[in-house]
Structures are given as structure tokens and as C-alpha cells.
């Protein structure tokens, strides 16, 4: 397979799913209350679409860095030993922004879900518990370097077995299943329909990343059999 085809492997799926998700988000905008409110004099509509844009930027950034590094070692050839740390800084900045912007949307659009506030706050806590346990498990048992995709950069990580401790005892896809519960919490806590929509978009879109980018990469890094064990 040519380098260009390797770079864009399964990205047709990414593009197709993104079009579907964006269409869904535009339809959501037509519902009453979804774009009500403002924060710091800036409309919820702006924060809403900024949240969507940051999510897209994050996943395109990861796709580009992973694929160009995996198939051409572009980042390490260009930046040497600083390649992974600089990539990781970019990943962290955009990733944290992806979370923070959902809180901003929720505050801007608060009290637009017609459900009892106590019930919603209970749901927020329920969503937060597995998310916190997930990040604890990543830090203690999995490692943030691996979560960032260091196996695309450093061959030595490809022979280290993946542990089945912490939250990973229950699922091999803890990052995708539980990690994004973190951004459901502010939507419930502030009773924000806009933030709820953004949280749903983010959670669905990360699975697009898994099937369109990460899973094909894992098969090329670890082989068909091992990749199914790692994921």
C-alpha cells in the first residue's frame, strides 16, 4: 500500500461519520432552548460550535501525527527526541480544551433541560465516578504515554503487555467507554441541553476515531491477533 493510502486508511469512514454527526448537530440547533443563554457576553451558539470545532481539531491532529509517524517517522525525523513530548503537549492542550469548553457551554446554557435539578445532579455524580476511576487507572496501570499513543513513536512499547488492572479489568476499551463520561457531568450538573448535545457528539465521535484510526493502526503495529487483545 502506498504511503498516501496508508495515511488515509479508513479516513473515508471518519469523513462519512463526521458529516452524519455534524448534520445531527445542526438539526439539534432547531430545538427550543438548545442555544439559549450566553457567557461573558458571548452567545451559546458560539461556544457550542467552538466545542464541536475543538473536538474535530483534536481527532484530526491525532490522526495526522499518528499516521505520519507510524508510516514515515515524520515527527521524530523532524524533531528528533523532542518529537513525542512536543506531540504530547499538543495532544494535552487540545484535549484539555475539549473538556473545558463543555463546561463553558453548560454554564452558558444552564437550566434548559426540563428535568428535576436534583435528579440531574445525581446523574452528574454517577457519570463522574467511572470517569475519575478511569483516569486513576490510566495513571497507575496504563500510563499517559500509552494513552497518548507512544507505541506509534517508540518500538520498545510494542512488546510491553497491556495490563488488566483497575478499570481495565472490566473492559479493554475503558478510555472510550468511561473517559468521556467526564464531559456528560457538566451537562447534567448545569442542566444544559447544548452541553448534553456536545457531550453526545464527543462520545460518538471518539468511537469514530477508534474504528477509523486507532484500530487499523493497532492491527499494523501489533498484528491482527495481538491488536484484538490490546483493544
Protein backbone atom coordinates (compact mmCIF):
# COMPACT_ATOMS: atom_id res chain seq x y z
CA UNK A 1 0.00 0.00 0.00
CA UNK A 2 1.35 3.45 -0.91
CA UNK A 3 2.23 5.97 1.85
CA UNK A 4 -0.72 8.18 0.87
CA UNK A 5 -3.16 5.27 1.07
CA UNK A 6 -1.70 4.29 4.44
CA UNK A 7 -2.10 7.85 5.69
CA UNK A 8 -5.76 7.95 4.67
CA UNK A 9 -6.61 4.35 5.55
CA UNK A 10 -10.27 4.24 6.69
CA UNK A 11 -10.50 8.02 6.72
CA UNK A 12 -13.45 7.73 4.36
CA UNK A 13 -15.25 6.30 7.41
CA UNK A 14 -14.07 9.23 9.51
CA UNK A 15 -15.33 11.75 6.94
CA UNK A 16 -18.66 9.99 6.41
CA UNK A 17 -19.42 9.67 10.13
CA UNK A 18 -18.37 13.26 10.75
CA UNK A 19 -20.81 14.51 8.10
CA UNK A 20 -23.59 12.50 9.74
CA UNK A 21 -22.72 13.79 13.22
CA UNK A 22 -22.48 17.41 12.06
CA UNK A 23 -25.85 17.08 10.33
CA UNK A 24 -27.27 15.82 13.61
CA UNK A 25 -25.78 18.79 15.48
CA UNK A 26 -27.32 21.24 13.01
CA UNK A 27 -30.71 19.60 13.47
CA UNK A 28 -30.31 19.84 17.25
CA UNK A 29 -29.92 23.60 16.89
CA UNK A 30 -33.54 23.85 15.76
CA UNK A 31 -34.87 22.65 19.09
CA UNK A 32 -36.08 25.26 21.53
CA UNK A 33 -33.65 26.17 24.29
CA UNK A 34 -30.59 24.44 22.87
CA UNK A 35 -28.78 27.66 22.00
CA UNK A 36 -30.28 29.89 24.70
CA UNK A 37 -28.06 31.89 27.01
CA UNK A 38 -24.63 33.48 26.95
CA UNK A 39 -21.43 33.67 28.97
CA UNK A 40 -19.08 36.66 29.19
CA UNK A 41 -21.24 38.38 26.60
CA UNK A 42 -20.70 35.58 24.07
CA UNK A 43 -23.63 33.51 22.82
CA UNK A 44 -24.12 29.83 23.50
CA UNK A 45 -24.15 29.28 19.73
CA UNK A 46 -20.52 30.41 19.54
CA UNK A 47 -19.43 28.19 22.44
CA UNK A 48 -21.43 25.27 21.02
CA UNK A 49 -19.72 25.32 17.64
CA UNK A 50 -16.34 26.07 19.19
CA UNK A 51 -16.73 22.88 21.24
CA UNK A 52 -17.51 20.93 18.08
CA UNK A 53 -14.54 22.50 16.29
CA UNK A 54 -12.11 21.68 19.10
CA UNK A 55 -13.24 18.04 19.10
CA UNK A 56 -12.69 17.79 15.35
CA UNK A 57 -9.31 19.54 15.60
CA UNK A 58 -8.21 17.12 18.34
CA UNK A 59 -9.03 14.00 16.39
CA UNK A 60 -7.58 15.26 13.12
CA UNK A 61 -4.41 16.26 15.00
CA UNK A 62 -4.05 12.78 16.48
CA UNK A 63 -4.81 11.07 13.17
CA UNK A 64 -2.21 13.15 11.30
CA UNK A 65 0.51 12.76 13.92
CA UNK A 66 -0.07 9.04 14.43
CA UNK A 67 -0.22 8.15 10.77
CA UNK A 68 2.71 10.30 9.58
CA UNK A 69 4.83 8.98 12.44
CA UNK A 70 3.79 5.34 12.07
CA UNK A 71 4.30 5.16 8.33
CA UNK A 72 7.01 7.77 7.71
CA UNK A 73 8.53 8.63 11.14
CA UNK A 74 7.88 12.24 10.12
CA UNK A 75 7.73 13.72 13.61
CA UNK A 76 10.83 12.06 15.04
CA UNK A 77 12.80 12.64 11.82
CA UNK A 78 11.88 16.32 12.01
CA UNK A 79 12.07 16.91 15.78
CA UNK A 80 14.28 14.05 16.98
CA UNK A 81 13.89 13.08 20.64
CA UNK A 82 11.61 16.06 21.17
CA UNK A 83 9.06 14.63 18.75
CA UNK A 84 6.86 12.68 21.14
CA UNK A 85 7.00 15.24 24.01
CA UNK A 86 6.00 18.06 21.67
CA UNK A 87 3.23 15.98 20.14
CA UNK A 88 2.04 15.07 23.66
CA UNK A 89 1.93 18.74 24.69
CA UNK A 90 -0.25 19.49 21.68
CA UNK A 91 -2.44 16.49 22.48
CA UNK A 92 -2.85 17.62 26.09
CA UNK A 93 -3.60 21.26 25.27
CA UNK A 94 -6.28 20.42 22.71
CA UNK A 95 -7.61 17.53 24.83
CA UNK A 96 -7.98 19.66 27.95
CA UNK A 97 -9.59 22.42 25.88
CA UNK A 98 -12.03 19.80 24.61
CA UNK A 99 -13.15 19.17 28.19
CA UNK A 100 -13.10 22.78 29.42
CA UNK A 101 -15.24 24.06 26.56
CA UNK A 102 -18.05 21.67 27.51
CA UNK A 103 -18.13 23.22 30.99
CA UNK A 104 -18.33 26.66 29.34
CA UNK A 105 -21.20 25.54 27.10
CA UNK A 106 -23.02 24.08 30.12
CA UNK A 107 -22.73 27.28 32.15
CA UNK A 108 -23.73 29.45 29.18
CA UNK A 109 -26.82 27.32 28.51
CA UNK A 110 -27.75 26.24 32.03
CA UNK A 111 -31.29 25.34 33.12
CA UNK A 112 -32.52 24.36 29.66
CA UNK A 113 -33.26 20.69 30.44
CA UNK A 114 -36.78 20.39 31.94
CA UNK A 115 -35.85 17.73 34.49
CA UNK A 116 -35.65 17.97 38.28
CA UNK A 117 -32.33 19.56 39.24
CA UNK A 118 -31.62 17.01 42.00
CA UNK A 119 -32.07 14.13 39.55
CA UNK A 120 -29.68 15.75 37.08
CA UNK A 121 -27.03 16.40 39.73
CA UNK A 122 -27.24 12.76 40.80
CA UNK A 123 -26.70 11.76 37.16
CA UNK A 124 -23.70 14.10 37.02
CA UNK A 125 -22.09 12.39 40.01
CA UNK A 126 -22.88 8.95 38.57
CA UNK A 127 -21.18 9.95 35.29
CA UNK A 128 -18.20 11.42 37.12
CA UNK A 129 -17.35 8.35 39.24
CA UNK A 130 -16.30 5.95 36.42
CA UNK A 131 -14.54 8.79 34.58
CA UNK A 132 -12.40 9.57 37.64
CA UNK A 133 -11.68 5.86 38.16
CA UNK A 134 -10.69 5.60 34.50
CA UNK A 135 -8.13 8.41 34.76
CA UNK A 136 -6.82 6.95 38.02
CA UNK A 137 -6.42 3.57 36.30
CA UNK A 138 -4.65 5.15 33.33
CA UNK A 139 -2.21 6.96 35.59
CA UNK A 140 -1.46 3.94 37.79
CA UNK A 141 -1.71 0.95 35.47
CA UNK A 142 -1.68 2.06 31.85
CA UNK A 143 0.37 5.24 31.63
CA UNK A 144 -0.47 8.51 29.94
CA UNK A 145 2.29 7.97 27.38
CA UNK A 146 0.46 4.92 26.13
CA UNK A 147 -2.85 6.74 26.19
CA UNK A 148 -1.25 9.43 24.01
CA UNK A 149 -0.04 6.78 21.54
CA UNK A 150 3.65 6.40 22.26
CA UNK A 151 3.63 2.99 20.56
CA UNK A 152 3.46 4.95 17.29
CA UNK A 153 6.77 6.60 18.23
CA UNK A 154 8.76 4.07 20.28
CA UNK A 155 9.08 0.45 19.18
CA UNK A 156 10.04 -0.69 22.69
CA UNK A 157 6.48 -0.10 23.92
CA UNK A 158 5.14 -2.60 21.40
CA UNK A 159 6.48 -5.56 23.38
CA UNK A 160 5.16 -4.44 26.78
CA UNK A 161 1.92 -6.27 27.62
CA UNK A 162 -1.22 -4.29 28.39
CA UNK A 163 -2.33 -4.75 31.99
CA UNK A 164 -5.80 -5.80 33.04
CA UNK A 165 -5.94 -3.88 36.30
CA UNK A 166 -8.09 -1.05 37.59
CA UNK A 167 -10.98 -0.25 35.29
CA UNK A 168 -9.30 -2.27 32.54
CA UNK A 169 -10.32 -5.44 34.39
CA UNK A 170 -13.85 -4.82 33.17
CA UNK A 171 -13.26 -3.62 29.63
CA UNK A 172 -10.43 -3.27 27.14
CA UNK A 173 -11.90 -0.01 25.87
CA UNK A 174 -12.07 1.91 29.12
CA UNK A 175 -10.83 5.14 27.54
CA UNK A 176 -13.67 5.20 25.05
CA UNK A 177 -16.45 3.87 27.25
CA UNK A 178 -15.76 5.67 30.54
CA UNK A 179 -13.33 8.52 29.83
CA UNK A 180 -15.90 10.63 28.03
CA UNK A 181 -18.38 10.35 30.88
CA UNK A 182 -16.39 13.28 32.25
CA UNK A 183 -18.00 15.63 29.73
CA UNK A 184 -21.51 14.36 30.40
CA UNK A 185 -21.17 15.51 34.03
CA UNK A 186 -21.29 19.30 33.40
CA UNK A 187 -24.26 18.88 31.05
CA UNK A 188 -26.24 17.18 33.81
CA UNK A 189 -24.97 19.40 36.63
CA UNK A 190 -25.96 22.66 34.91
CA UNK A 191 -29.00 21.11 33.17
CA UNK A 192 -27.74 22.23 29.78
CA UNK A 193 -29.29 20.87 26.61
CA UNK A 194 -26.48 22.37 24.49
CA UNK A 195 -23.78 20.72 26.62
CA UNK A 196 -25.72 17.44 26.51
CA UNK A 197 -25.67 17.60 22.71
CA UNK A 198 -21.95 18.40 22.69
CA UNK A 199 -21.23 15.54 25.11
CA UNK A 200 -23.14 13.12 22.87
CA UNK A 201 -21.25 14.39 19.82
CA UNK A 202 -17.90 13.94 21.56
CA UNK A 203 -18.70 10.46 22.83
CA UNK A 204 -19.92 9.24 19.45
CA UNK A 205 -17.07 10.94 17.59
CA UNK A 206 -14.36 9.32 19.71
CA UNK A 207 -15.65 5.93 18.59
CA UNK A 208 -15.22 7.14 15.00
CA UNK A 209 -11.56 7.75 15.89
CA UNK A 210 -11.32 4.25 17.31
CA UNK A 211 -12.68 2.45 14.26
CA UNK A 212 -11.24 4.76 11.59
CA UNK A 213 -7.79 5.45 13.06
CA UNK A 214 -6.77 3.58 16.19
CA UNK A 215 -7.97 0.08 15.35
CA UNK A 216 -6.28 -0.01 11.91
CA UNK A 217 -3.09 1.36 13.48
CA UNK A 218 -3.13 -1.26 16.22
CA UNK A 219 -3.50 -4.01 13.63
CA UNK A 220 -0.45 -2.70 11.80
CA UNK A 221 1.57 -2.23 14.99
CA UNK A 222 0.65 -5.44 16.83
CA UNK A 223 -0.84 -7.67 14.13
CA UNK A 224 -4.41 -8.91 13.83
CA UNK A 225 -4.35 -11.27 16.81
CA UNK A 226 -2.50 -9.08 19.30
CA UNK A 227 -4.44 -5.94 18.38
CA UNK A 228 -7.69 -7.66 19.33
CA UNK A 229 -6.18 -8.45 22.72
CA UNK A 230 -4.92 -4.91 23.25
CA UNK A 231 -8.20 -3.28 22.30
